[in-house]
Protein backbone atom coordinates (compact mmCIF):
# COMPACT_ATOMS: atom_id res chain seq x y z
CA UNK A 1 -86.74 -113.99 29.70
CA UNK A 2 -83.11 -112.98 29.91
CA UNK A 3 -82.07 -109.67 28.36
CA UNK A 4 -85.16 -107.93 27.02
CA UNK A 5 -87.13 -104.72 26.85
CA UNK A 6 -90.55 -105.44 28.36
CA UNK A 7 -92.84 -102.43 28.62
CA UNK A 8 -93.94 -102.39 32.28
CA UNK A 9 -97.03 -100.35 31.43
CA UNK A 10 -98.40 -103.02 29.08
CA UNK A 11 -96.42 -106.22 29.62
CA UNK A 12 -95.45 -106.21 25.93
CA UNK A 13 -92.11 -107.76 24.99
CA UNK A 14 -90.65 -105.01 22.81
CA UNK A 15 -87.25 -106.43 21.93
CA UNK A 16 -84.95 -109.25 23.03
CA UNK A 17 -81.15 -109.41 23.01
CA UNK A 18 -78.59 -112.20 22.93
CA UNK A 19 -76.14 -112.36 25.78
CA UNK A 20 -72.48 -112.03 24.86
CA UNK A 21 -70.61 -115.30 24.40
CA UNK A 22 -67.48 -116.06 26.38
CA UNK A 23 -65.35 -115.25 23.35
CA UNK A 24 -67.10 -111.91 22.96
CA UNK A 25 -66.57 -111.14 26.64
CA UNK A 26 -62.90 -112.00 26.19
CA UNK A 27 -62.65 -109.57 23.28
CA UNK A 28 -64.21 -106.80 25.39
CA UNK A 29 -61.81 -107.40 28.27
CA UNK A 30 -58.83 -107.36 25.92
CA UNK A 31 -60.11 -104.16 24.31
CA UNK A 32 -60.41 -102.55 27.75
CA UNK A 33 -56.86 -103.60 28.66
CA UNK A 34 -55.43 -102.19 25.45
CA UNK A 35 -57.42 -98.98 25.74
CA UNK A 36 -56.28 -98.39 29.31
CA UNK A 37 -52.61 -98.67 28.39
CA UNK A 38 -52.97 -95.54 26.25
CA UNK A 39 -55.93 -93.70 27.77
CA UNK A 40 -54.49 -93.46 31.28
CA UNK A 41 -51.76 -91.06 30.12
CA UNK A 42 -53.96 -88.66 28.18
CA UNK A 43 -54.16 -85.14 29.64
CA UNK A 44 -57.14 -84.02 31.69
CA UNK A 45 -57.94 -81.44 29.02
CA UNK A 46 -58.62 -84.10 26.41
CA UNK A 47 -60.72 -86.24 28.76
CA UNK A 48 -62.67 -83.16 29.85
CA UNK A 49 -63.33 -82.24 26.22
CA UNK A 50 -64.93 -85.64 25.60
CA UNK A 51 -66.80 -85.62 28.92
CA UNK A 52 -68.28 -82.20 28.20
CA UNK A 53 -69.30 -83.43 24.77
CA UNK A 54 -71.09 -86.37 26.42
CA UNK A 55 -72.95 -83.83 28.55
CA UNK A 56 -73.96 -81.91 25.43
CA UNK A 57 -75.35 -85.08 23.86
CA UNK A 58 -77.31 -85.91 27.00
CA UNK A 59 -78.86 -82.46 27.05
CA UNK A 60 -79.52 -82.27 23.32
CA UNK A 61 -81.18 -85.68 23.11
CA UNK A 62 -82.75 -85.77 26.60
CA UNK A 63 -86.22 -86.45 25.19
CA UNK A 64 -85.05 -89.46 23.17
CA UNK A 65 -83.11 -90.94 26.07
CA UNK A 66 -86.06 -90.32 28.39
CA UNK A 67 -88.37 -92.28 26.11
CA UNK A 68 -86.00 -95.26 26.27
CA UNK A 69 -85.90 -95.10 30.07
CA UNK A 70 -89.67 -94.84 30.38
CA UNK A 71 -90.26 -97.62 27.87
CA UNK A 72 -87.95 -100.01 29.68
CA UNK A 73 -88.62 -99.33 33.38
CA UNK A 74 -91.73 -97.16 33.56
CA UNK A 75 -90.64 -93.93 35.24
CA UNK A 76 -92.80 -90.89 34.37
CA UNK A 77 -91.42 -89.23 31.25
CA UNK A 78 -90.85 -85.88 32.98
CA UNK A 79 -88.68 -87.62 35.57
CA UNK A 80 -86.76 -89.43 32.83
CA UNK A 81 -86.00 -86.15 31.06
CA UNK A 82 -84.73 -84.74 34.35
CA UNK A 83 -82.55 -87.82 34.81
CA UNK A 84 -80.86 -87.37 31.44
CA UNK A 85 -80.13 -83.75 32.28
CA UNK A 86 -78.83 -84.64 35.74
CA UNK A 87 -76.49 -87.13 34.09
CA UNK A 88 -75.10 -84.27 32.01
CA UNK A 89 -74.56 -82.33 35.23
CA UNK A 90 -72.29 -84.99 36.73
CA UNK A 91 -70.29 -85.18 33.49
CA UNK A 92 -69.66 -81.44 33.61
CA UNK A 93 -68.86 -81.54 37.34
CA UNK A 94 -66.03 -84.04 36.95
CA UNK A 95 -64.79 -82.53 33.69
CA UNK A 96 -64.26 -79.30 35.62
CA UNK A 97 -63.09 -80.64 38.99
CA UNK A 98 -61.10 -83.81 38.27
CA UNK A 99 -57.77 -81.97 37.79
CA UNK A 100 -57.91 -80.42 41.24
CA UNK A 101 -59.39 -83.54 42.88
CA UNK A 102 -56.48 -85.62 41.52
CA UNK A 103 -53.66 -83.09 41.77
CA UNK A 104 -50.50 -84.14 43.60
CA UNK A 105 -50.72 -83.33 47.32
CA UNK A 106 -47.45 -82.23 48.99
CA UNK A 107 -46.61 -84.03 52.23
CA UNK A 108 -44.00 -83.23 54.86
CA UNK A 109 -41.41 -85.95 55.46
CA UNK A 110 -37.66 -86.49 55.81
CA UNK A 111 -37.32 -86.42 52.01
CA UNK A 112 -36.22 -83.52 49.87
CA UNK A 113 -39.61 -83.80 48.21
CA UNK A 114 -42.57 -86.01 49.00
CA UNK A 115 -46.16 -86.01 47.88
CA UNK A 116 -49.25 -88.15 47.27
CA UNK A 117 -50.13 -88.93 43.65
CA UNK A 118 -53.45 -90.32 42.44
CA UNK A 119 -53.31 -92.72 39.49
CA UNK A 120 -55.94 -94.89 37.77
CA UNK A 121 -56.30 -98.60 38.44
CA UNK A 122 -57.48 -99.95 35.08
CA UNK A 123 -60.74 -101.55 34.00
CA UNK A 124 -63.58 -101.05 36.52
CA UNK A 125 -66.70 -103.23 36.32
CA UNK A 126 -69.95 -101.42 37.12
CA UNK A 127 -72.98 -103.60 37.91
CA UNK A 128 -75.84 -101.14 37.70
CA UNK A 129 -79.58 -101.20 38.51
CA UNK A 130 -82.64 -100.47 36.40
CA UNK A 131 -84.30 -97.84 38.60
CA UNK A 132 -82.13 -94.89 37.52
CA UNK A 133 -80.71 -96.44 34.36
CA UNK A 134 -78.79 -93.36 33.19
CA UNK A 135 -77.95 -91.49 36.40
CA UNK A 136 -76.51 -94.50 38.22
CA UNK A 137 -74.19 -95.25 35.31
CA UNK A 138 -72.99 -91.70 34.69
CA UNK A 139 -72.26 -91.03 38.34
CA UNK A 140 -69.87 -93.99 38.16
CA UNK A 141 -68.51 -93.37 34.68
CA UNK A 142 -67.79 -89.63 34.89
CA UNK A 143 -65.31 -89.83 37.80
CA UNK A 144 -63.89 -93.20 36.74
CA UNK A 145 -63.09 -92.07 33.20
CA UNK A 146 -61.84 -88.64 34.24
CA UNK A 147 -59.42 -90.42 36.62
CA UNK A 148 -58.03 -92.37 33.65
CA UNK A 149 -59.77 -95.69 34.29
CA UNK A 150 -61.80 -97.52 31.66
CA UNK A 151 -65.35 -98.72 32.30
CA UNK A 152 -67.18 -101.99 31.76
CA UNK A 153 -70.95 -101.76 32.26
CA UNK A 154 -73.06 -104.77 33.19
CA UNK A 155 -76.47 -103.15 33.33
CA UNK A 156 -79.72 -104.66 34.62
CA UNK A 157 -81.12 -107.12 32.10
CA UNK A 158 -84.43 -105.26 31.76
CA UNK A 159 -82.83 -102.03 30.47
CA UNK A 160 -80.62 -103.20 27.58
CA UNK A 161 -81.51 -100.31 25.30
CA UNK A 162 -80.50 -97.85 28.01
CA UNK A 163 -77.19 -99.69 28.35
CA UNK A 164 -76.51 -99.57 24.62
CA UNK A 165 -77.52 -95.91 24.38
CA UNK A 166 -75.05 -94.97 27.12
CA UNK A 167 -72.19 -96.71 25.32
CA UNK A 168 -73.17 -94.88 22.14
CA UNK A 169 -73.02 -91.55 23.98
CA UNK A 170 -69.42 -92.12 25.05
CA UNK A 171 -68.46 -93.21 21.54
CA UNK A 172 -70.17 -90.21 19.95
CA UNK A 173 -68.47 -87.92 22.46
CA UNK A 174 -65.07 -89.02 21.15
CA UNK A 175 -63.78 -91.41 23.81
CA UNK A 176 -61.40 -93.96 22.23
CA UNK A 177 -62.64 -97.51 21.52
CA UNK A 178 -62.54 -99.73 24.58
CA UNK A 179 -62.66 -96.88 27.12
CA UNK A 180 -66.34 -97.50 27.92
CA UNK A 181 -68.10 -100.72 26.93
CA UNK A 182 -71.54 -102.14 27.60
CA UNK A 183 -71.55 -105.90 28.23
CA UNK A 184 -74.95 -107.42 27.52
CA UNK A 185 -74.62 -110.36 29.89
CA UNK A 186 -76.70 -111.97 32.60
CA UNK A 187 -75.90 -112.01 36.29
CA UNK A 188 -74.38 -115.48 35.86
CA UNK A 189 -71.37 -113.93 34.07
CA UNK A 190 -70.50 -111.35 36.71
CA UNK A 191 -68.29 -113.61 38.84
CA UNK A 192 -66.05 -114.64 35.94
CA UNK A 193 -65.66 -111.02 34.83
CA UNK A 194 -64.79 -109.86 38.34
CA UNK A 195 -62.27 -112.68 38.69
CA UNK A 196 -60.48 -111.80 35.43
CA UNK A 197 -57.10 -110.21 36.25
CA UNK A 198 -57.69 -107.42 33.74
CA UNK A 199 -60.57 -106.14 35.88
CA UNK A 200 -59.07 -104.20 38.77
CA UNK A 201 -62.12 -103.24 40.86
CA UNK A 202 -65.92 -103.27 40.82
CA UNK A 203 -68.87 -101.21 41.93
CA UNK A 204 -72.46 -102.31 42.36
CA UNK A 205 -75.73 -100.57 43.07
CA UNK A 206 -78.54 -103.00 43.83
CA UNK A 207 -79.83 -105.51 46.33
CA UNK A 208 -78.09 -106.89 49.40
CA UNK A 209 -77.75 -110.41 47.93
CA UNK A 210 -76.25 -109.04 44.72
CA UNK A 211 -73.83 -106.88 46.68
CA UNK A 212 -72.77 -109.73 48.94
CA UNK A 213 -72.19 -111.99 45.94
CA UNK A 214 -70.05 -109.42 44.13
CA UNK A 215 -68.07 -108.56 47.26
CA UNK A 216 -67.43 -112.24 47.95
CA UNK A 217 -65.98 -112.83 44.49
CA UNK A 218 -63.97 -109.62 44.62
CA UNK A 219 -62.65 -110.51 48.07
CA UNK A 220 -61.44 -113.89 46.89
CA UNK A 221 -59.55 -112.08 44.16
CA UNK A 222 -58.34 -109.22 46.39
CA UNK A 223 -60.13 -106.49 44.49
CA UNK A 224 -61.72 -103.36 45.83
CA UNK A 225 -65.47 -102.82 45.68
CA UNK A 226 -67.91 -99.99 46.31
CA UNK A 227 -71.47 -101.06 47.15
CA UNK A 228 -74.64 -98.98 47.30
CA UNK A 229 -77.41 -101.29 48.43
CA UNK A 230 -80.92 -101.07 49.85
CA UNK A 231 -82.44 -98.61 52.24
CA UNK A 232 -85.42 -98.13 54.52
CA UNK A 233 -84.99 -94.41 54.98
CA UNK A 234 -86.79 -92.71 57.88
CA UNK A 235 -88.67 -89.45 57.40
CA UNK A 236 -89.02 -87.96 60.88
CA UNK A 237 -91.52 -85.18 61.55
CA UNK A 238 -91.33 -83.52 64.97
CA UNK A 239 -93.67 -81.06 66.67
CA UNK A 240 -92.02 -77.83 65.50
CA UNK A 241 -91.92 -78.87 61.83
CA UNK A 242 -93.55 -76.94 59.00
CA UNK A 243 -96.28 -79.53 58.41
CA UNK A 244 -97.37 -78.23 55.01
CA UNK A 245 -93.83 -78.33 53.66
CA UNK A 246 -93.18 -81.73 55.26
CA UNK A 247 -96.30 -83.30 53.75
CA UNK A 248 -95.63 -81.89 50.28
CA UNK A 249 -92.05 -83.14 50.39
CA UNK A 250 -93.17 -86.49 51.81
CA UNK A 251 -95.25 -87.19 48.71
CA UNK A 252 -92.30 -86.51 46.42
CA UNK A 253 -89.87 -88.36 48.69
CA UNK A 254 -92.02 -91.51 48.69
CA UNK A 255 -93.36 -91.45 45.11
CA UNK A 256 -90.17 -90.51 43.29
CA UNK A 257 -89.52 -93.04 40.53
CA UNK A 258 -92.83 -94.77 41.34
CA UNK A 259 -91.48 -95.45 44.82
CA UNK A 260 -88.52 -97.43 43.46
CA UNK A 261 -85.57 -95.55 44.91
CA UNK A 262 -83.07 -96.66 47.53
CA UNK A 263 -83.18 -93.20 49.11
CA UNK A 264 -86.95 -92.78 48.90
CA UNK A 265 -88.54 -91.99 52.25
CA UNK A 266 -90.13 -95.23 53.39
CA UNK A 267 -90.78 -95.07 57.14
CA UNK A 268 -92.60 -91.92 58.25
CA UNK A 269 -91.94 -91.44 61.95
CA UNK A 270 -94.34 -88.85 63.35
CA UNK A 271 -94.50 -87.07 66.69
CA UNK A 272 -97.86 -88.01 68.17
CA UNK A 273 -98.84 -84.35 68.64
CA UNK A 274 -98.83 -83.68 64.87
CA UNK A 275 -99.41 -87.21 63.55
CA UNK A 276 -103.16 -86.83 62.97
CA UNK A 277 -102.78 -83.63 60.95
CA UNK A 278 -99.89 -85.06 58.92
CA UNK A 279 -101.72 -88.32 58.17
CA UNK A 280 -104.90 -86.55 57.04
CA UNK A 281 -103.04 -84.28 54.63
CA UNK A 282 -100.81 -87.08 53.32
CA UNK A 283 -103.80 -89.30 52.59
CA UNK A 284 -105.49 -86.52 50.63
CA UNK A 285 -102.41 -85.97 48.50
CA UNK A 286 -101.90 -89.70 47.86
CA UNK A 287 -105.51 -90.05 46.74
CA UNK A 288 -105.06 -87.13 44.32
CA UNK A 289 -102.01 -88.62 42.56
CA UNK A 290 -102.48 -89.33 38.86
CA UNK A 291 -101.56 -92.94 38.11
CA UNK A 292 -101.28 -93.91 34.47
CA UNK A 293 -99.31 -94.10 31.25
CA UNK A 294 -95.75 -92.97 32.12
CA UNK A 295 -95.28 -91.54 28.63
CA UNK A 296 -97.90 -88.86 29.36
CA UNK A 297 -96.44 -85.62 30.79
CA UNK A 298 -99.09 -85.26 33.52
CA UNK A 299 -98.65 -88.78 34.93
CA UNK A 300 -97.28 -88.73 38.49
CA UNK A 301 -97.07 -92.46 39.24
CA UNK A 302 -96.33 -95.08 36.61
CA UNK A 303 -96.00 -98.87 36.77
CA UNK A 304 -93.50 -100.84 38.77
CA UNK A 305 -90.60 -102.06 36.66
CA UNK A 306 -91.32 -105.81 36.66
CA UNK A 307 -94.06 -108.25 37.65
CA UNK A 308 -91.72 -109.60 40.33
CA UNK A 309 -91.45 -106.21 42.03
CA UNK A 310 -95.24 -105.85 41.90
CA UNK A 311 -95.65 -109.28 43.49
CA UNK A 312 -93.09 -108.54 46.23
CA UNK A 313 -94.60 -105.21 47.29
CA UNK A 314 -98.11 -106.65 47.36
CA UNK A 315 -96.99 -109.60 49.49
CA UNK A 316 -95.34 -107.23 51.97
CA UNK A 317 -98.47 -105.07 52.19
CA UNK A 318 -100.82 -108.04 52.58
CA UNK A 319 -98.62 -109.50 55.34
CA UNK A 320 -98.80 -106.20 57.24
CA UNK A 321 -102.56 -105.98 56.78
CA UNK A 322 -103.06 -109.56 57.93
CA UNK A 323 -101.10 -108.75 61.09
CA UNK A 324 -103.41 -105.84 61.90
CA UNK A 325 -102.05 -102.82 60.01
CA UNK A 326 -104.58 -100.42 58.48
CA UNK A 327 -104.54 -99.16 54.90
CA UNK A 328 -105.47 -95.47 55.02
CA UNK A 329 -105.53 -95.56 51.21
CA UNK A 330 -104.58 -98.13 48.59
CA UNK A 331 -103.26 -101.49 49.67
CA UNK A 332 -103.87 -103.37 46.43
CA UNK A 333 -102.86 -103.88 42.84
CA UNK A 334 -104.62 -101.87 40.16
CA UNK A 335 -106.22 -104.67 38.16
CA UNK A 336 -108.34 -102.41 35.95
CA UNK A 337 -105.48 -102.00 33.47
CA UNK A 338 -102.59 -103.99 32.01
CA UNK A 339 -99.08 -103.57 33.36
CA UNK A 340 -97.45 -103.57 36.78
CA UNK A 341 -99.52 -100.89 38.54
CA UNK A 342 -99.94 -100.64 42.31
CA UNK A 343 -102.19 -98.19 44.11
CA UNK A 344 -100.42 -95.46 46.10
CA UNK A 345 -100.67 -96.88 49.60
CA UNK A 346 -100.40 -95.64 53.18
CA UNK A 347 -100.19 -98.14 56.02
CA UNK A 348 -100.68 -97.10 59.66
CA UNK A 349 -101.08 -98.85 63.03
CA UNK A 350 -98.43 -101.34 61.92
CA UNK A 351 -97.75 -103.94 64.61
CA UNK A 352 -94.22 -105.16 65.39
CA UNK A 353 -92.95 -108.27 63.64
CA UNK A 354 -94.12 -107.37 60.15
CA UNK A 355 -91.98 -106.75 57.04
CA UNK A 356 -92.19 -103.03 57.87
CA UNK A 357 -89.71 -103.59 60.71
CA UNK A 358 -86.69 -104.62 58.65
CA UNK A 359 -87.51 -104.98 54.95
CA UNK A 360 -87.19 -102.42 52.19
CA UNK A 361 -90.51 -101.56 50.52
CA UNK A 362 -89.61 -100.85 46.88
CA UNK A 363 -92.81 -99.33 45.56
CA UNK A 364 -95.45 -96.65 46.22
CA UNK A 365 -96.11 -97.59 49.86
CA UNK A 366 -95.65 -95.26 52.85
CA UNK A 367 -95.30 -96.78 56.33
CA UNK A 368 -96.53 -94.55 59.18
CA UNK A 369 -95.40 -94.79 62.80
CA UNK A 370 -96.16 -92.62 65.83
CA UNK A 371 -93.66 -91.76 68.57
CA UNK A 372 -93.84 -89.75 71.78
CA UNK A 373 -90.61 -87.76 71.46
CA UNK A 374 -87.28 -87.36 69.69
CA UNK A 375 -85.70 -90.18 71.70
CA UNK A 376 -88.25 -92.67 70.39
CA UNK A 377 -87.93 -91.21 66.88
CA UNK A 378 -84.18 -91.70 66.74
CA UNK A 379 -84.39 -95.19 68.25
CA UNK A 380 -87.00 -96.29 65.70
CA UNK A 381 -85.11 -94.69 62.82
CA UNK A 382 -81.94 -96.58 63.78
CA UNK A 383 -83.71 -99.89 64.46
CA UNK A 384 -83.27 -101.35 60.96
CA UNK A 385 -80.22 -102.99 59.41
CA UNK A 386 -80.10 -100.23 56.76
CA UNK A 387 -78.28 -96.92 56.92
CA UNK A 388 -78.51 -95.09 53.61
CA UNK A 389 -80.31 -91.77 54.09
CA UNK A 390 -82.54 -90.02 56.62
CA UNK A 391 -84.77 -86.95 56.44
CA UNK A 392 -85.90 -85.11 59.56
CA UNK A 393 -88.18 -82.12 60.02
CA UNK A 394 -87.82 -79.70 62.91
CA UNK A 395 -87.10 -76.00 63.39
CA UNK A 396 -85.54 -76.63 66.81
CA UNK A 397 -81.77 -76.23 66.43
CA UNK A 398 -81.02 -78.48 69.41
CA UNK A 399 -83.11 -81.23 67.82
CA UNK A 400 -81.38 -80.68 64.49
CA UNK A 401 -78.00 -81.12 66.17
CA UNK A 402 -79.11 -84.36 67.83
CA UNK A 403 -80.56 -85.75 64.62
CA UNK A 404 -77.46 -85.06 62.53
CA UNK A 405 -75.29 -86.55 65.28
CA UNK A 406 -77.31 -89.63 66.25
CA UNK A 407 -79.07 -90.86 63.11
CA UNK A 408 -77.21 -93.84 61.64
CA UNK A 409 -77.06 -93.05 57.94
CA UNK A 410 -74.73 -92.03 55.15
CA UNK A 411 -76.68 -88.79 54.74
CA UNK A 412 -78.99 -86.78 56.97
CA UNK A 413 -81.15 -84.06 55.41
CA UNK A 414 -82.90 -81.60 57.72
CA UNK A 415 -86.13 -80.06 56.38
CA UNK A 416 -85.61 -81.53 52.91
CA UNK A 417 -85.77 -84.81 51.04
CA UNK A 418 -82.71 -87.03 50.69
CA UNK A 419 -81.14 -86.63 47.26
CA UNK A 420 -77.90 -87.19 45.42
CA UNK A 421 -75.81 -84.26 44.24
CA UNK A 422 -72.45 -84.40 42.39
CA UNK A 423 -71.01 -81.95 44.92
CA UNK A 424 -71.77 -84.18 47.94
CA UNK A 425 -70.55 -87.70 48.76
CA UNK A 426 -73.18 -90.42 48.50
CA UNK A 427 -73.33 -93.85 50.12
CA UNK A 428 -74.47 -95.81 53.12
CA UNK A 429 -73.46 -97.71 56.23
CA UNK A 430 -74.55 -100.99 57.82
CA UNK A 431 -76.28 -103.22 55.23
CA UNK A 432 -76.77 -100.30 52.87
CA UNK A 433 -73.22 -100.77 51.66
CA UNK A 434 -69.85 -99.06 51.86
CA UNK A 435 -67.69 -96.66 49.94
CA UNK A 436 -68.77 -93.37 48.44
CA UNK A 437 -69.81 -92.05 45.07
CA UNK A 438 -69.79 -88.42 43.88
CA UNK A 439 -67.81 -85.42 45.15
CA UNK A 440 -64.05 -85.76 45.70
CA UNK A 441 -64.58 -88.99 47.67
CA UNK A 442 -66.17 -90.67 44.65
CA UNK A 443 -63.25 -90.07 42.31
CA UNK A 444 -60.78 -91.25 44.96
CA UNK A 445 -62.45 -94.66 45.34
CA UNK A 446 -60.88 -96.11 42.20
CA UNK A 447 -57.37 -94.70 42.14
CA UNK A 448 -54.01 -95.80 43.45
CA UNK A 449 -53.07 -93.42 46.25
CA UNK A 450 -49.33 -93.50 45.61
CA UNK A 451 -46.76 -92.15 48.06
CA UNK A 452 -43.79 -90.52 46.29
CA UNK A 453 -40.57 -89.88 48.27
CA UNK A 454 -37.54 -88.23 46.66
CA UNK A 455 -34.21 -87.37 48.27
């Protein structure tokens, strides 16, 4: 349908939007260019003042922003409120830390004085996904704007009201016109925007095909990109693990955002000695989950964001079942209600050659595998083309050392679920993308690292 708000809990088309025309896109690009020429030289203090004000707005109006998120993509309202507040956190983090992250760094040389200086690039295009419609944008925008860049947001077409609300936040916070703009355009306009010489770099969070397409266009135009793509994160549980804590965390790690998270635990790799106990407890907790209206505060699992996502996850599950996998619970759509609801599902005894081997399952489906030892666990964890995050559970320090050393991922969490934090770099390897967001690494992605030599 193009750019529209479609309530995933009911299928109702709430509101539709017209895509920007080429002349309107041109006006936005020119506005960004003009804004950058002035904004880049403003002091950190002024940028931090506006960024902190954006954080205040996010916190003050968290309930309103949460309702927009839940309406457009179906996440439980309590999770949406938390997302708005987490977005405020990243604004405050970069408002406070950008000056030291971007301070000149002295360097020894044969000059009288030499140092490294960090300077902004210009307009950065952010192609952002629907699953965390506020957090994904703010974790790009906060460092980019504090570095002196200006932002152009091409958000997912099913969350236009989120996209417009974010632009309004930056305007209300005091940022000058043109510093942050939402472009309501379809995916067909991305290539021409990336190719425009006024756009200096791009970042994308989304699917592998979308990332490859953006990177291809950017490469042809010699522009830098940062990509955060899919994941099939392992959740390894070894014999010495605290099983109760691991099971409780496993439910959260798999069901977060209705299972629609790149860093959600997807493949549960269990030592055979504890697998039976873990499976029994996990099944009980999955069966107890409250599925329903995401606007209700006690709902734990809401609908999937689109009918297409519902169709894809069901096809993957049915293919596994047809090959001989067993559904310990779930394994089907919830057809007793409108909307894109899928039953919380656990698949076990999954034979090789199914989608579980290499595909990302983007929905409330846990894939269970049994292994004999840590060697098999690490080999299975590393056997996919993805490398975003990994969670592993063991109290054995030697095993912890091996896991952090040998797991192929951008992040390894021991005895905890994988999560993003402004203080830690975030990103993947292999087909999960490249580059880093957050922390000092995130703000350095879109700056000119300039060598200065004076004699």
